[in-house]
Amino acid sequence: MRFSTVHPVLESIAAKISARVSEDFRQDVLFDALAIHIGADASKIKLNAQSFTVERRADTPFSENVYFSAAPVATSMHLSLLEEFENAIGF
């Protein structure tokens, strides 16, 4: 699953960057959105709350669809949020 399919503009931007960079480097280069971050407004709180993140695992080919996720909530809620996210975007 590609993150850029979350919204058509992400797919459009990724495709345009891929085409331009591929042309410039004279080889196929695939760009895609790499992460989703949902975080707290740090200017409104005194705590340093971790963001909810879902991102591609570093140094892993896109084709393997391996992701890393973190959240500032208990594991059970984290898993529930991931399931909701996956169901909504068709992972």
Foldseek 3Di string as FASTA:
>chain_A
DFPLLVDVVQVVVQVVVQVVVCVVVVHGDGGGDFKDWADDPCVVDPDDAGTWMKGADPPDDVVVVHIDTDHRDDPVVNVVVVVVVCVVRVD
